[in-house]
C-alpha atoms as a PDB file:
ATOM      1  CA  UNK A   1      61.123  62.157  -4.106  1.00  0.00           C
ATOM      2  CA  UNK A   2      60.625  59.326  -6.888  1.00  0.00           C
ATOM      3  CA  UNK A   3      59.773  55.872  -7.184  1.00  0.00           C
ATOM      4  CA  UNK A   4      63.475  54.814  -7.414  1.00  0.00           C
ATOM      5  CA  UNK A   5      64.527  56.591  -3.906  1.00  0.00           C
ATOM      6  CA  UNK A   6      61.863  55.511  -2.026  1.00  0.00           C
ATOM      7  CA  UNK A   7      62.649  51.678  -3.173  1.00  0.00           C
ATOM      8  CA  UNK A   8      66.141  52.600  -2.483  1.00  0.00           C
ATOM      9  CA  UNK A   9      65.751  53.127   0.757  1.00  0.00           C
ATOM     10  CA  UNK A  10      63.439  50.510   1.197  1.00  0.00           C
ATOM     11  CA  UNK A  11      65.990  47.876  -0.138  1.00  0.00           C
ATOM     12  CA  UNK A  12      68.897  49.018   2.120  1.00  0.00           C
ATOM     13  CA  UNK A  13      66.473  48.965   5.552  1.00  0.00           C
ATOM     14  CA  UNK A  14      65.342  45.593   4.485  1.00  0.00           C
ATOM     15  CA  UNK A  15      69.141  44.316   3.965  1.00  0.00           C
ATOM     16  CA  UNK A  16      69.770  45.699   7.472  1.00  0.00           C
ATOM     17  CA  UNK A  17      66.920  44.374   8.912  1.00  0.00           C
ATOM     18  CA  UNK A  18      67.431  41.035   7.299  1.00  0.00           C
ATOM     19  CA  UNK A  19      71.438  41.450   8.782  1.00  0.00           C
ATOM     20  CA  UNK A  20      70.141  43.048  12.580  1.00  0.00           C
ATOM     21  CA  UNK A  21      66.876  40.740  12.964  1.00  0.00           C
ATOM     22  CA  UNK A  22      66.560  38.053  10.890  1.00  0.00           C
ATOM     23  CA  UNK A  23      63.442  39.685   9.722  1.00  0.00           C
ATOM     24  CA  UNK A  24      62.686  39.211   5.812  1.00  0.00           C
ATOM     25  CA  UNK A  25      60.320  42.025   3.961  1.00  0.00           C
ATOM     26  CA  UNK A  26      58.952  42.771   0.898  1.00  0.00           C
ATOM     27  CA  UNK A  27      60.823  46.282  -0.500  1.00  0.00           C
ATOM     28  CA  UNK A  28      58.536  46.487  -3.286  1.00  0.00           C
ATOM     29  CA  UNK A  29      55.398  46.567  -1.200  1.00  0.00           C
ATOM     30  CA  UNK A  30      57.024  49.010   1.278  1.00  0.00           C
ATOM     31  CA  UNK A  31      57.844  51.161  -1.721  1.00  0.00           C
ATOM     32  CA  UNK A  32      54.144  51.464  -2.854  1.00  0.00           C
ATOM     33  CA  UNK A  33      52.198  50.896   0.259  1.00  0.00           C
ATOM     34  CA  UNK A  34      52.130  53.342   3.378  1.00  0.00           C
ATOM     35  CA  UNK A  35      50.582  50.578   6.007  1.00  0.00           C
ATOM     36  CA  UNK A  36      53.060  48.083   5.387  1.00  0.00           C
ATOM     37  CA  UNK A  37      56.002  50.554   5.146  1.00  0.00           C
ATOM     38  CA  UNK A  38      55.137  52.336   8.933  1.00  0.00           C
ATOM     39  CA  UNK A  39      54.624  48.940  10.250  1.00  0.00           C
ATOM     40  CA  UNK A  40      58.341  48.642   8.915  1.00  0.00           C
ATOM     41  CA  UNK A  41      59.915  51.865  10.296  1.00  0.00           C
ATOM     42  CA  UNK A  42      57.973  50.862  13.742  1.00  0.00           C
ATOM     43  CA  UNK A  43      59.579  47.958  14.218  1.00  0.00           C
ATOM     44  CA  UNK A  44      63.044  48.572  12.970  1.00  0.00           C
ATOM     45  CA  UNK A  45      62.957  51.550  15.312  1.00  0.00           C
ATOM     46  CA  UNK A  46      61.667  49.171  18.072  1.00  0.00           C
ATOM     47  CA  UNK A  47      65.102  46.789  16.954  1.00  0.00           C
ATOM     48  CA  UNK A  48      67.398  49.934  17.311  1.00  0.00           C
ATOM     49  CA  UNK A  49      66.878  50.699  20.776  1.00  0.00           C
ATOM     50  CA  UNK A  50      66.136  46.728  21.852  1.00  0.00           C
ATOM     51  CA  UNK A  51      69.314  46.373  20.242  1.00  0.00           C
ATOM     52  CA  UNK A  52      71.134  49.012  19.840  1.00  0.00           C
ATOM     53  CA  UNK A  53      71.598  48.895  16.234  1.00  0.00           C
ATOM     54  CA  UNK A  54      71.334  53.356  15.138  1.00  0.00           C
ATOM     55  CA  UNK A  55      72.013  52.672  11.903  1.00  0.00           C
ATOM     56  CA  UNK A  56      68.296  50.851  12.106  1.00  0.00           C
ATOM     57  CA  UNK A  57      66.705  53.755  13.510  1.00  0.00           C
ATOM     58  CA  UNK A  58      68.601  56.222  10.828  1.00  0.00           C
ATOM     59  CA  UNK A  59      67.422  54.227   8.239  1.00  0.00           C
ATOM     60  CA  UNK A  60      63.832  54.234   9.625  1.00  0.00           C
ATOM     61  CA  UNK A  61      63.801  57.768   9.551  1.00  0.00           C
ATOM     62  CA  UNK A  62      64.298  58.042   5.590  1.00  0.00           C
ATOM     63  CA  UNK A  63      61.850  56.068   4.701  1.00  0.00           C
ATOM     64  CA  UNK A  64      59.530  57.641   7.262  1.00  0.00           C
ATOM     65  CA  UNK A  65      60.380  61.246   5.835  1.00  0.00           C
ATOM     66  CA  UNK A  66      60.110  59.808   2.564  1.00  0.00           C
ATOM     67  CA  UNK A  67      56.324  58.417   3.196  1.00  0.00           C
ATOM     68  CA  UNK A  68      55.492  61.880   5.102  1.00  0.00           C
ATOM     69  CA  UNK A  69      56.794  64.003   2.213  1.00  0.00           C
ATOM     70  CA  UNK A  70      54.869  62.383  -0.668  1.00  0.00           C
ATOM     71  CA  UNK A  71      51.986  63.667  -2.207  1.00  0.00           C
ATOM     72  CA  UNK A  72      48.725  61.698  -0.979  1.00  0.00           C
ATOM     73  CA  UNK A  73      47.387  59.817  -3.890  1.00  0.00           C
ATOM     74  CA  UNK A  74      43.626  60.363  -4.288  1.00  0.00           C
ATOM     75  CA  UNK A  75      41.092  57.766  -2.728  1.00  0.00           C
ATOM     76  CA  UNK A  76      41.197  54.522  -4.274  1.00  0.00           C
ATOM     77  CA  UNK A  77      37.758  53.593  -5.432  1.00  0.00           C
ATOM     78  CA  UNK A  78      36.721  49.575  -5.586  1.00  0.00           C
ATOM     79  CA  UNK A  79      36.984  48.105  -9.326  1.00  0.00           C
ATOM     80  CA  UNK A  80      33.288  47.149  -9.391  1.00  0.00           C
ATOM     81  CA  UNK A  81      32.149  50.553  -8.638  1.00  0.00           C
ATOM     82  CA  UNK A  82      34.331  52.165 -11.440  1.00  0.00           C
ATOM     83  CA  UNK A  83      32.860  49.917 -13.483  1.00  0.00           C
ATOM     84  CA  UNK A  84      29.722  49.844 -12.674  1.00  0.00           C
ATOM     85  CA  UNK A  85      29.644  53.661 -13.106  1.00  0.00           C
ATOM     86  CA  UNK A  86      31.490  52.690 -16.833  1.00  0.00           C
ATOM     87  CA  UNK A  87      28.448  51.197 -17.830  1.00  0.00           C
ATOM     88  CA  UNK A  88      26.059  53.608 -16.525  1.00  0.00           C
ATOM     89  CA  UNK A  89      27.830  56.198 -18.464  1.00  0.00           C
ATOM     90  CA  UNK A  90      28.974  54.042 -21.639  1.00  0.00           C
ATOM     91  CA  UNK A  91      27.693  55.696 -25.009  1.00  0.00           C
ATOM     92  CA  UNK A  92      26.360  53.465 -27.672  1.00  0.00           C
ATOM     93  CA  UNK A  93      28.675  51.683 -29.741  1.00  0.00           C
ATOM     94  CA  UNK A  94      29.306  52.930 -33.219  1.00  0.00           C
ATOM     95  CA  UNK A  95      27.450  51.493 -35.984  1.00  0.00           C
ATOM     96  CA  UNK A  96      29.269  48.560 -37.956  1.00  0.00           C
ATOM     97  CA  UNK A  97      30.705  49.505 -40.873  1.00  0.00           C
ATOM     98  CA  UNK A  98      28.204  49.002 -44.054  1.00  0.00           C
ATOM     99  CA  UNK A  99      28.672  45.919 -46.104  1.00  0.00           C
ATOM    100  CA  UNK A 100      31.509  45.720 -48.762  1.00  0.00           C
ATOM    101  CA  UNK A 101      31.312  43.059 -51.412  1.00  0.00           C
ATOM    102  CA  UNK A 102      34.538  40.989 -50.842  1.00  0.00           C
ATOM    103  CA  UNK A 103      35.170  40.112 -54.346  1.00  0.00           C
ATOM    104  CA  UNK A 104      34.976  42.123 -57.440  1.00  0.00           C
ATOM    105  CA  UNK A 105      33.809  40.347 -59.915  1.00  0.00           C
ATOM    106  CA  UNK A 106      32.863  37.306 -58.724  1.00  0.00           C
ATOM    107  CA  UNK A 107      35.172  34.012 -57.492  1.00  0.00           C
ATOM    108  CA  UNK A 108      36.456  32.310 -60.607  1.00  0.00           C
END
């Protein structure tokens, strides 16, 4: 599912949570961070039952479905590991260009 659809579901759930529970969420982070999104889904489902708001459960299910349907991203590596590997495999920089006279015929 495209990122824009995930973001739209997260935004809708954000509005519902704000109206029904007073909870403010970060829609951008919800759309890109699976752990945060799962916690919001858990929170929404809990309050859907406690406050009798089936709409919260419906949108939580939608977000949960999107999270499980998305292909898992490759494991992220720490930046320092990636940089160290790049330095180890670095090729020598190209030689500087040959000196070319700046002025033809000298300065007047």
